[in-house]
Amino acid sequence: MPERSPIAEFVADVEIPTVIGIIAFAILFWMPIENTALAWWNEPDAGHGLLLFPISAYLVWKSGVSPKARPQVALGLSILVAAVVLRYLSGLASEWYTMRWSVLLALSGLVVMKWGLGQIKFWWLPAALLVLSVPLPSVVLNSIALPLQLKASQLGASLLEWRHVPVYLEGNVIQLPGRSLFVTEACSGLRSLTALISLGVLVSGMWISTLPGRVTVVLAAIPVAMFLNGVRVFLTGFLVHFVNPELGEGFMHLTEGWLIFVLAFAVLGLVGKLVIVAERWYMERKEVVPA
């Protein structure tokens, strides 16, 4: 009897109820899934989802199923029903954010039905990345972006004054001699902050073992993003004032933003490395000191 290919074995192992469930899930939740994918592709503030989703899927595949997995059909079915109700109500209101959350809730229900609630805890890192990949509503984004704009403007203006550049700050507008520098929403640092928090969660989940260490790395992303975005505003104003006004826009401005973004990643990586070293030192000291 000829050996079956891996694909044939996989198809043979798939149960008919599972196939029906996948088809029903795709039909019911296709609209929010498609809308989320389009938001990742078209909206700059949500673009990090294009990276977080495949990383999350890879971590799920790499982690596998927990040895302690036990199906909880009743609980999983209850979560799934709640997800369907949320999907229906949010569809009536055309509210995309809750509709996207209904997809995550439905996925959680299916996982609990198949492997139990403990499996979600076992997959906490990819689950956290999936949550971070959900695009936020415009109202929330605007309420966060405006304070970040003002903070970046204040820090940039302070650094320019430190370098003896005459400036006058008016909201998010930095008045330079003969020129105005606008700190727009795109320059607020919100994208950098979102990406850095996601990176902090990923780094802390993969390489840091203690809860205080993980919290430290994730929280460090906030001041790092805010400070370096202020530095970006300062560099833009400095180059505009001393070198060439055209350096404040176009390709050079975008390049400068990318360089600052890479630097922010490096700084957060350094914070993670310091936390790892501190954890090792603490564990070694704990083993040496007698109880």
C-alpha atoms as a PDB file:
ATOM      1  CA  MET A   1       0.000   0.000   0.000  1.00  0.00           C
ATOM      2  CA  PRO A   2       1.612   3.328  -1.026  1.00  0.00           C
ATOM      3  CA  GLU A   3       2.395   5.842   1.683  1.00  0.00           C
ATOM      4  CA  ARG A   4       0.144   8.880   1.932  1.00  0.00           C
ATOM      5  CA  SER A   5       1.593  12.345   1.540  1.00  0.00           C
ATOM      6  CA  PRO A   6       1.601  14.719   4.560  1.00  0.00           C
ATOM      7  CA  ILE A   7      -1.158  16.779   2.911  1.00  0.00           C
ATOM      8  CA  ALA A   8      -3.293  13.659   2.469  1.00  0.00           C
ATOM      9  CA  GLU A   9      -2.729  12.696   6.104  1.00  0.00           C
ATOM     10  CA  PHE A  10      -3.703  16.194   7.244  1.00  0.00           C
ATOM     11  CA  VAL A  11      -6.899  16.121   5.186  1.00  0.00           C
ATOM     12  CA  ALA A  12      -7.741  12.668   6.522  1.00  0.00           C
ATOM     13  CA  ASP A  13      -7.293  13.831  10.135  1.00  0.00           C
ATOM     14  CA  VAL A  14      -9.555  16.845   9.764  1.00  0.00           C
ATOM     15  CA  GLU A  15     -13.023  16.185  11.136  1.00  0.00           C
ATOM     16  CA  ILE A  16     -16.146  17.243   9.246  1.00  0.00           C
ATOM     17  CA  PRO A  17     -17.494  19.377  12.159  1.00  0.00           C
ATOM     18  CA  THR A  18     -14.183  21.252  12.168  1.00  0.00           C
ATOM     19  CA  VAL A  19     -14.491  22.009   8.446  1.00  0.00           C
ATOM     20  CA  ILE A  20     -18.076  23.180   8.893  1.00  0.00           C
ATOM     21  CA  GLY A  21     -17.020  25.382  11.804  1.00  0.00           C
ATOM     22  CA  ILE A  22     -14.216  26.992   9.769  1.00  0.00           C
ATOM     23  CA  ILE A  23     -16.566  27.707   6.874  1.00  0.00           C
ATOM     24  CA  ALA A  24     -19.221  29.159   9.192  1.00  0.00           C
ATOM     25  CA  PHE A  25     -16.597  31.298  10.937  1.00  0.00           C
ATOM     26  CA  ALA A  26     -15.289  32.635   7.613  1.00  0.00           C
ATOM     27  CA  ILE A  27     -18.794  33.527   6.387  1.00  0.00           C
ATOM     28  CA  LEU A  28     -19.927  35.186   9.606  1.00  0.00           C
ATOM     29  CA  PHE A  29     -16.743  37.147  10.359  1.00  0.00           C
ATOM     30  CA  TRP A  30     -15.455  37.803   6.852  1.00  0.00           C
ATOM     31  CA  MET A  31     -16.541  41.457   6.850  1.00  0.00           C
ATOM     32  CA  PRO A  32     -14.586  42.530  10.000  1.00  0.00           C
ATOM     33  CA  ILE A  33     -11.612  40.389   8.940  1.00  0.00           C
ATOM     34  CA  GLU A  34     -11.512  42.070   5.529  1.00  0.00           C
ATOM     35  CA  ASN A  35     -11.967  45.528   7.060  1.00  0.00           C
ATOM     36  CA  THR A  36      -9.115  44.913   9.511  1.00  0.00           C
ATOM     37  CA  ALA A  37      -6.789  43.745   6.732  1.00  0.00           C
ATOM     38  CA  LEU A  38      -7.627  46.849   4.671  1.00  0.00           C
ATOM     39  CA  ALA A  39      -6.961  49.062   7.697  1.00  0.00           C
ATOM     40  CA  TRP A  40      -3.553  47.417   8.168  1.00  0.00           C
ATOM     41  CA  TRP A  41      -2.729  48.054   4.529  1.00  0.00           C
ATOM     42  CA  ASN A  42      -4.140  51.573   4.069  1.00  0.00           C
ATOM     43  CA  GLU A  43      -3.910  53.302   7.467  1.00  0.00           C
ATOM     44  CA  PRO A  44      -0.390  54.255   8.621  1.00  0.00           C
ATOM     45  CA  ASP A  45      -1.380  54.182  12.299  1.00  0.00           C
ATOM     46  CA  ALA A  46      -2.553  50.558  11.925  1.00  0.00           C
ATOM     47  CA  GLY A  47       0.228  49.286   9.662  1.00  0.00           C
ATOM     48  CA  HIS A  48       1.993  47.440  12.492  1.00  0.00           C
ATOM     49  CA  GLY A  49      -0.744  44.791  12.226  1.00  0.00           C
ATOM     50  CA  LEU A  50       0.829  43.572   8.976  1.00  0.00           C
ATOM     51  CA  LEU A  51       3.823  42.485  11.042  1.00  0.00           C
ATOM     52  CA  LEU A  52       2.140  41.482  14.298  1.00  0.00           C
ATOM     53  CA  PHE A  53      -0.383  39.100  12.757  1.00  0.00           C
ATOM     54  CA  PRO A  54       2.120  36.774  11.012  1.00  0.00           C
ATOM     55  CA  ILE A  55       4.403  36.871  14.075  1.00  0.00           C
ATOM     56  CA  SER A  56       1.461  35.883  16.253  1.00  0.00           C
ATOM     57  CA  ALA A  57       0.530  33.038  13.895  1.00  0.00           C
ATOM     58  CA  TYR A  58       4.147  31.813  13.900  1.00  0.00           C
ATOM     59  CA  LEU A  59       4.318  31.864  17.716  1.00  0.00           C
ATOM     60  CA  VAL A  60       1.085  29.863  17.918  1.00  0.00           C
ATOM     61  CA  TRP A  61       2.485  27.300  15.494  1.00  0.00           C
ATOM     62  CA  LYS A  62       5.846  27.171  17.290  1.00  0.00           C
ATOM     63  CA  SER A  63       4.352  26.862  20.790  1.00  0.00           C
ATOM     64  CA  GLY A  64       1.904  24.123  19.841  1.00  0.00           C
ATOM     65  CA  VAL A  65      -0.748  22.795  22.191  1.00  0.00           C
ATOM     66  CA  SER A  66      -0.223  22.812  25.938  1.00  0.00           C
ATOM     67  CA  PRO A  67       0.264  19.368  27.532  1.00  0.00           C
ATOM     68  CA  LYS A  68      -2.405  20.367  30.050  1.00  0.00           C
ATOM     69  CA  ALA A  69      -4.981  21.213  27.378  1.00  0.00           C
ATOM     70  CA  ARG A  70      -8.486  19.996  28.223  1.00  0.00           C
ATOM     71  CA  PRO A  71     -11.594  20.841  26.151  1.00  0.00           C
ATOM     72  CA  GLN A  72     -14.210  23.064  27.807  1.00  0.00           C
ATOM     73  CA  VAL A  73     -17.073  22.828  25.356  1.00  0.00           C
ATOM     74  CA  ALA A  74     -19.746  24.591  27.415  1.00  0.00           C
ATOM     75  CA  LEU A  75     -17.544  27.574  28.283  1.00  0.00           C
ATOM     76  CA  GLY A  76     -16.185  27.830  24.753  1.00  0.00           C
ATOM     77  CA  LEU A  77     -19.679  27.687  23.281  1.00  0.00           C
ATOM     78  CA  SER A  78     -20.815  30.471  25.633  1.00  0.00           C
ATOM     79  CA  ILE A  79     -17.906  32.672  24.513  1.00  0.00           C
ATOM     80  CA  LEU A  80     -18.683  31.885  20.885  1.00  0.00           C
ATOM     81  CA  VAL A  81     -22.360  32.829  21.313  1.00  0.00           C
ATOM     82  CA  ALA A  82     -21.300  36.105  22.956  1.00  0.00           C
ATOM     83  CA  ALA A  83     -18.987  36.788  19.997  1.00  0.00           C
ATOM     84  CA  VAL A  84     -21.811  36.175  17.502  1.00  0.00           C
ATOM     85  CA  VAL A  85     -24.126  38.523  19.444  1.00  0.00           C
ATOM     86  CA  LEU A  86     -21.399  41.186  19.560  1.00  0.00           C
ATOM     87  CA  ARG A  87     -20.804  40.746  15.839  1.00  0.00           C
ATOM     88  CA  TYR A  88     -24.521  41.196  15.125  1.00  0.00           C
ATOM     89  CA  LEU A  89     -24.998  44.252  17.362  1.00  0.00           C
ATOM     90  CA  SER A  90     -21.834  45.994  16.147  1.00  0.00           C
ATOM     91  CA  GLY A  91     -22.892  45.256  12.570  1.00  0.00           C
ATOM     92  CA  LEU A  92     -26.224  46.973  13.179  1.00  0.00           C
ATOM     93  CA  ALA A  93     -24.379  50.015  14.557  1.00  0.00           C
ATOM     94  CA  SER A  94     -21.650  49.844  11.876  1.00  0.00           C
ATOM     95  CA  GLU A  95     -19.085  50.038  14.668  1.00  0.00           C
ATOM     96  CA  TRP A  96     -15.905  48.499  13.318  1.00  0.00           C
ATOM     97  CA  TYR A  97     -13.846  48.409  16.507  1.00  0.00           C
ATOM     98  CA  THR A  98     -16.236  46.163  18.448  1.00  0.00           C
ATOM     99  CA  MET A  99     -16.836  44.162  15.278  1.00  0.00           C
ATOM    100  CA  ARG A 100     -13.098  43.433  15.108  1.00  0.00           C
ATOM    101  CA  TRP A 101     -13.129  42.429  18.742  1.00  0.00           C
ATOM    102  CA  SER A 102     -15.900  39.967  18.006  1.00  0.00           C
ATOM    103  CA  VAL A 103     -13.434  38.105  15.770  1.00  0.00           C
ATOM    104  CA  LEU A 104     -10.913  37.762  18.617  1.00  0.00           C
ATOM    105  CA  LEU A 105     -13.694  36.723  20.988  1.00  0.00           C
ATOM    106  CA  ALA A 106     -14.871  34.062  18.541  1.00  0.00           C
ATOM    107  CA  LEU A 107     -11.330  32.743  18.115  1.00  0.00           C
ATOM    108  CA  SER A 108     -11.035  32.552  21.905  1.00  0.00           C
ATOM    109  CA  GLY A 109     -14.277  30.601  22.087  1.00  0.00           C
ATOM    110  CA  LEU A 110     -13.081  28.086  19.506  1.00  0.00           C
ATOM    111  CA  VAL A 111      -9.777  27.637  21.345  1.00  0.00           C
ATOM    112  CA  VAL A 112     -11.565  27.090  24.671  1.00  0.00           C
ATOM    113  CA  MET A 113     -13.927  24.555  23.091  1.00  0.00           C
ATOM    114  CA  LYS A 114     -11.029  22.606  21.603  1.00  0.00           C
ATOM    115  CA  TRP A 115      -8.296  22.913  24.268  1.00  0.00           C
ATOM    116  CA  GLY A 116      -9.679  24.797  27.275  1.00  0.00           C
ATOM    117  CA  LEU A 117      -9.112  28.176  28.895  1.00  0.00           C
ATOM    118  CA  GLY A 118      -5.574  27.224  29.904  1.00  0.00           C
ATOM    119  CA  GLN A 119      -4.548  27.162  26.241  1.00  0.00           C
ATOM    120  CA  ILE A 120      -5.227  30.892  25.930  1.00  0.00           C
ATOM    121  CA  LYS A 121      -2.932  31.473  28.906  1.00  0.00           C
ATOM    122  CA  PHE A 122      -0.370  29.199  27.253  1.00  0.00           C
ATOM    123  CA  TRP A 123      -0.621  31.370  24.117  1.00  0.00           C
ATOM    124  CA  TRP A 124      -0.588  34.671  26.023  1.00  0.00           C
ATOM    125  CA  LEU A 125       2.181  36.225  23.912  1.00  0.00           C
ATOM    126  CA  PRO A 126       0.585  35.721  20.467  1.00  0.00           C
ATOM    127  CA  ALA A 127      -2.771  36.662  22.000  1.00  0.00           C
ATOM    128  CA  ALA A 128      -1.301  39.938  23.285  1.00  0.00           C
ATOM    129  CA  LEU A 129       0.192  40.683  19.862  1.00  0.00           C
ATOM    130  CA  LEU A 130      -3.189  40.037  18.233  1.00  0.00           C
ATOM    131  CA  VAL A 131      -4.852  42.460  20.645  1.00  0.00           C
ATOM    132  CA  LEU A 132      -2.234  45.107  19.837  1.00  0.00           C
ATOM    133  CA  SER A 133      -2.796  44.582  16.118  1.00  0.00           C
ATOM    134  CA  VAL A 134      -6.475  45.622  16.335  1.00  0.00           C
ATOM    135  CA  PRO A 135      -6.729  49.153  14.840  1.00  0.00           C
ATOM    136  CA  LEU A 136      -7.964  51.720  17.349  1.00  0.00           C
ATOM    137  CA  PRO A 137     -10.956  53.992  16.610  1.00  0.00           C
ATOM    138  CA  SER A 138     -10.211  57.412  15.138  1.00  0.00           C
ATOM    139  CA  VAL A 139     -11.587  59.128  18.254  1.00  0.00           C
ATOM    140  CA  VAL A 140      -9.064  57.326  20.446  1.00  0.00           C
ATOM    141  CA  LEU A 141      -6.206  57.921  18.004  1.00  0.00           C
ATOM    142  CA  ASN A 142      -6.939  61.641  17.844  1.00  0.00           C
ATOM    143  CA  SER A 143      -7.204  61.964  21.610  1.00  0.00           C
ATOM    144  CA  ILE A 144      -3.777  60.315  21.974  1.00  0.00           C
ATOM    145  CA  ALA A 145      -2.095  62.025  19.016  1.00  0.00           C
ATOM    146  CA  LEU A 146      -2.817  65.611  20.105  1.00  0.00           C
ATOM    147  CA  PRO A 147      -1.044  65.423  23.506  1.00  0.00           C
ATOM    148  CA  LEU A 148       1.866  63.645  21.813  1.00  0.00           C
ATOM    149  CA  GLN A 149       2.064  66.437  19.224  1.00  0.00           C
ATOM    150  CA  LEU A 150       2.208  69.064  21.961  1.00  0.00           C
ATOM    151  CA  LYS A 151       4.836  67.153  23.976  1.00  0.00           C
ATOM    152  CA  ALA A 152       7.022  66.641  20.890  1.00  0.00           C
ATOM    153  CA  SER A 153       6.694  70.352  20.053  1.00  0.00           C
ATOM    154  CA  GLN A 154       7.642  71.397  23.597  1.00  0.00           C
ATOM    155  CA  LEU A 155      10.652  69.083  23.748  1.00  0.00           C
ATOM    156  CA  GLY A 156      11.824  70.038  20.257  1.00  0.00           C
ATOM    157  CA  ALA A 157      11.524  73.751  21.047  1.00  0.00           C
ATOM    158  CA  SER A 158      13.411  73.306  24.332  1.00  0.00           C
ATOM    159  CA  LEU A 159      16.274  71.523  22.576  1.00  0.00           C
ATOM    160  CA  LEU A 160      16.402  74.219  19.898  1.00  0.00           C
ATOM    161  CA  GLU A 161      16.609  76.909  22.590  1.00  0.00           C
ATOM    162  CA  TRP A 162      19.390  74.902  24.237  1.00  0.00           C
ATOM    163  CA  ARG A 163      21.285  75.153  20.929  1.00  0.00           C
ATOM    164  CA  HIS A 164      20.684  78.948  20.908  1.00  0.00           C
ATOM    165  CA  VAL A 165      18.104  78.868  18.115  1.00  0.00           C
ATOM    166  CA  PRO A 166      15.510  81.638  18.609  1.00  0.00           C
ATOM    167  CA  VAL A 167      12.110  79.945  18.695  1.00  0.00           C
ATOM    168  CA  TYR A 168       8.568  80.786  19.693  1.00  0.00           C
ATOM    169  CA  LEU A 169       6.236  77.902  20.491  1.00  0.00           C
ATOM    170  CA  GLU A 170       2.538  78.273  19.787  1.00  0.00           C
ATOM    171  CA  GLY A 171       0.708  74.977  20.330  1.00  0.00           C
ATOM    172  CA  ASN A 172       2.183  72.556  17.812  1.00  0.00           C
ATOM    173  CA  VAL A 173       3.759  75.322  15.711  1.00  0.00           C
ATOM    174  CA  ILE A 174       7.406  76.233  16.262  1.00  0.00           C
ATOM    175  CA  GLN A 175       8.194  79.689  14.936  1.00  0.00           C
ATOM    176  CA  LEU A 176      11.748  79.906  13.602  1.00  0.00           C
ATOM    177  CA  PRO A 177      13.325  83.057  12.144  1.00  0.00           C
ATOM    178  CA  GLY A 178      11.629  83.450   8.770  1.00  0.00           C
ATOM    179  CA  ARG A 179       9.914  80.049   8.901  1.00  0.00           C
ATOM    180  CA  SER A 180       7.235  78.074  10.771  1.00  0.00           C
ATOM    181  CA  LEU A 181       7.681  74.427  11.687  1.00  0.00           C
ATOM    182  CA  PHE A 182       4.410  72.495  12.024  1.00  0.00           C
ATOM    183  CA  VAL A 183       4.411  69.333  14.147  1.00  0.00           C
ATOM    184  CA  THR A 184       1.605  67.474  12.400  1.00  0.00           C
ATOM    185  CA  GLU A 185      -0.339  64.421  13.555  1.00  0.00           C
ATOM    186  CA  ALA A 186       1.973  62.225  11.453  1.00  0.00           C
ATOM    187  CA  CYS A 187       4.900  63.594  13.474  1.00  0.00           C
ATOM    188  CA  SER A 188       3.207  63.051  16.840  1.00  0.00           C
ATOM    189  CA  GLY A 189       5.118  59.819  17.462  1.00  0.00           C
ATOM    190  CA  LEU A 190       1.951  57.726  17.796  1.00  0.00           C
ATOM    191  CA  ARG A 191       3.130  55.216  15.191  1.00  0.00           C
ATOM    192  CA  SER A 192       6.504  54.904  16.880  1.00  0.00           C
ATOM    193  CA  LEU A 193       4.841  54.486  20.266  1.00  0.00           C
ATOM    194  CA  THR A 194       2.512  51.734  19.007  1.00  0.00           C
ATOM    195  CA  ALA A 195       5.348  49.888  17.300  1.00  0.00           C
ATOM    196  CA  LEU A 196       7.657  50.196  20.305  1.00  0.00           C
ATOM    197  CA  ILE A 197       5.015  48.922  22.742  1.00  0.00           C
ATOM    198  CA  SER A 198       4.454  45.935  20.447  1.00  0.00           C
ATOM    199  CA  LEU A 199       8.197  45.342  20.286  1.00  0.00           C
ATOM    200  CA  GLY A 200       8.399  45.620  24.068  1.00  0.00           C
ATOM    201  CA  VAL A 201       5.694  42.961  24.480  1.00  0.00           C
ATOM    202  CA  LEU A 202       7.470  40.683  21.995  1.00  0.00           C
ATOM    203  CA  VAL A 203      10.910  41.106  23.591  1.00  0.00           C
ATOM    204  CA  SER A 204       9.606  40.694  27.135  1.00  0.00           C
ATOM    205  CA  GLY A 205       7.589  37.624  26.222  1.00  0.00           C
ATOM    206  CA  MET A 206      10.393  35.820  24.405  1.00  0.00           C
ATOM    207  CA  TRP A 207      13.481  36.640  26.475  1.00  0.00           C
ATOM    208  CA  ILE A 208      12.432  37.987  29.872  1.00  0.00           C
ATOM    209  CA  SER A 209      11.154  35.622  32.528  1.00  0.00           C
ATOM    210  CA  THR A 210       9.837  37.800  35.371  1.00  0.00           C
ATOM    211  CA  LEU A 211       6.707  39.946  35.428  1.00  0.00           C
ATOM    212  CA  PRO A 212       8.493  43.083  36.796  1.00  0.00           C
ATOM    213  CA  GLY A 213      11.081  42.780  34.031  1.00  0.00           C
ATOM    214  CA  ARG A 214       8.408  42.466  31.352  1.00  0.00           C
ATOM    215  CA  VAL A 215       6.466  45.434  32.687  1.00  0.00           C
ATOM    216  CA  THR A 216       9.682  47.482  32.798  1.00  0.00           C
ATOM    217  CA  VAL A 217      10.466  46.848  29.127  1.00  0.00           C
ATOM    218  CA  VAL A 218       6.923  47.579  27.948  1.00  0.00           C
ATOM    219  CA  LEU A 219       6.639  50.781  29.997  1.00  0.00           C
ATOM    220  CA  ALA A 220      10.093  51.911  28.842  1.00  0.00           C
ATOM    221  CA  ALA A 221       8.706  52.132  25.298  1.00  0.00           C
ATOM    222  CA  ILE A 222       6.615  55.185  26.258  1.00  0.00           C
ATOM    223  CA  PRO A 223       9.398  57.602  27.346  1.00  0.00           C
ATOM    224  CA  VAL A 224      11.747  56.284  24.651  1.00  0.00           C
ATOM    225  CA  ALA A 225       9.212  57.006  21.895  1.00  0.00           C
ATOM    226  CA  MET A 226       8.291  60.425  23.287  1.00  0.00           C
ATOM    227  CA  PHE A 227      11.868  61.577  23.854  1.00  0.00           C
ATOM    228  CA  LEU A 228      13.227  60.432  20.504  1.00  0.00           C
ATOM    229  CA  ASN A 229      10.271  61.957  18.693  1.00  0.00           C
ATOM    230  CA  GLY A 230      11.110  65.250  20.392  1.00  0.00           C
ATOM    231  CA  VAL A 231      14.689  64.776  19.210  1.00  0.00           C
ATOM    232  CA  ARG A 232      13.348  64.290  15.685  1.00  0.00           C
ATOM    233  CA  VAL A 233      11.500  67.607  15.876  1.00  0.00           C
ATOM    234  CA  PHE A 234      14.690  69.252  17.175  1.00  0.00           C
ATOM    235  CA  LEU A 235      16.802  67.823  14.353  1.00  0.00           C
ATOM    236  CA  THR A 236      14.271  68.974  11.777  1.00  0.00           C
ATOM    237  CA  GLY A 237      14.259  72.511  13.168  1.00  0.00           C
ATOM    238  CA  PHE A 238      18.046  72.541  13.492  1.00  0.00           C
ATOM    239  CA  LEU A 239      18.585  71.453   9.870  1.00  0.00           C
ATOM    240  CA  VAL A 240      15.932  73.849   8.588  1.00  0.00           C
ATOM    241  CA  HIS A 241      17.489  76.786  10.437  1.00  0.00           C
ATOM    242  CA  PHE A 242      21.196  76.113   9.894  1.00  0.00           C
ATOM    243  CA  VAL A 243      21.417  74.041   6.701  1.00  0.00           C
ATOM    244  CA  ASN A 244      18.496  74.150   4.264  1.00  0.00           C
ATOM    245  CA  PRO A 245      14.751  74.783   4.710  1.00  0.00           C
ATOM    246  CA  GLU A 246      14.025  71.966   2.228  1.00  0.00           C
ATOM    247  CA  LEU A 247      15.365  69.412   4.733  1.00  0.00           C
ATOM    248  CA  GLY A 248      12.181  69.841   6.740  1.00  0.00           C
ATOM    249  CA  GLU A 249      10.054  68.032   4.175  1.00  0.00           C
ATOM    250  CA  GLY A 250      10.128  65.361   1.498  1.00  0.00           C
ATOM    251  CA  PHE A 251      12.585  62.477   1.281  1.00  0.00           C
ATOM    252  CA  MET A 252      15.091  63.826   3.815  1.00  0.00           C
ATOM    253  CA  HIS A 253      12.369  64.335   6.413  1.00  0.00           C
ATOM    254  CA  LEU A 254      11.103  60.768   5.936  1.00  0.00           C
ATOM    255  CA  THR A 255      14.647  59.386   6.082  1.00  0.00           C
ATOM    256  CA  GLU A 256      15.264  61.255   9.302  1.00  0.00           C
ATOM    257  CA  GLY A 257      12.102  59.753  10.772  1.00  0.00           C
ATOM    258  CA  TRP A 258      13.159  56.228   9.850  1.00  0.00           C
ATOM    259  CA  LEU A 259      16.615  56.724  11.375  1.00  0.00           C
ATOM    260  CA  ILE A 260      15.084  57.944  14.638  1.00  0.00           C
ATOM    261  CA  PHE A 261      12.697  54.978  14.564  1.00  0.00           C
ATOM    262  CA  VAL A 262      15.606  52.521  14.171  1.00  0.00           C
ATOM    263  CA  LEU A 263      17.415  54.276  17.017  1.00  0.00           C
ATOM    264  CA  ALA A 264      14.321  53.892  19.206  1.00  0.00           C
ATOM    265  CA  PHE A 265      14.268  50.158  18.458  1.00  0.00           C
ATOM    266  CA  ALA A 266      17.936  49.928  19.419  1.00  0.00           C
ATOM    267  CA  VAL A 267      17.389  51.823  22.683  1.00  0.00           C
ATOM    268  CA  LEU A 268      14.473  49.586  23.644  1.00  0.00           C
ATOM    269  CA  GLY A 269      16.568  46.526  22.783  1.00  0.00           C
ATOM    270  CA  LEU A 270      19.278  47.855  25.095  1.00  0.00           C
ATOM    271  CA  VAL A 271      16.719  48.266  27.878  1.00  0.00           C
ATOM    272  CA  GLY A 272      15.656  44.659  27.331  1.00  0.00           C
ATOM    273  CA  LYS A 273      19.283  43.506  27.489  1.00  0.00           C
ATOM    274  CA  LEU A 274      19.850  45.380  30.764  1.00  0.00           C
ATOM    275  CA  VAL A 275      16.736  43.778  32.254  1.00  0.00           C
ATOM    276  CA  ILE A 276      17.954  40.316  31.197  1.00  0.00           C
ATOM    277  CA  VAL A 277      21.346  40.964  32.824  1.00  0.00           C
ATOM    278  CA  ALA A 278      19.624  42.194  35.990  1.00  0.00           C
ATOM    279  CA  GLU A 279      17.458  39.066  36.090  1.00  0.00           C
ATOM    280  CA  ARG A 280      20.482  36.790  35.752  1.00  0.00           C
ATOM    281  CA  TRP A 281      22.344  38.680  38.480  1.00  0.00           C
ATOM    282  CA  TYR A 282      19.349  38.432  40.788  1.00  0.00           C
ATOM    283  CA  MET A 283      18.916  34.697  40.196  1.00  0.00           C
ATOM    284  CA  GLU A 284      22.624  34.005  40.753  1.00  0.00           C
ATOM    285  CA  ARG A 285      22.599  36.065  43.941  1.00  0.00           C
ATOM    286  CA  LYS A 286      19.491  34.264  45.132  1.00  0.00           C
ATOM    287  CA  GLU A 287      21.211  30.898  44.649  1.00  0.00           C
ATOM    288  CA  VAL A 288      24.365  31.994  46.476  1.00  0.00           C
ATOM    289  CA  VAL A 289      22.722  33.612  49.530  1.00  0.00           C
ATOM    290  CA  PRO A 290      21.661  30.905  52.023  1.00  0.00           C
ATOM    291  CA  ALA A 291      18.007  30.642  52.879  1.00  0.00           C
END
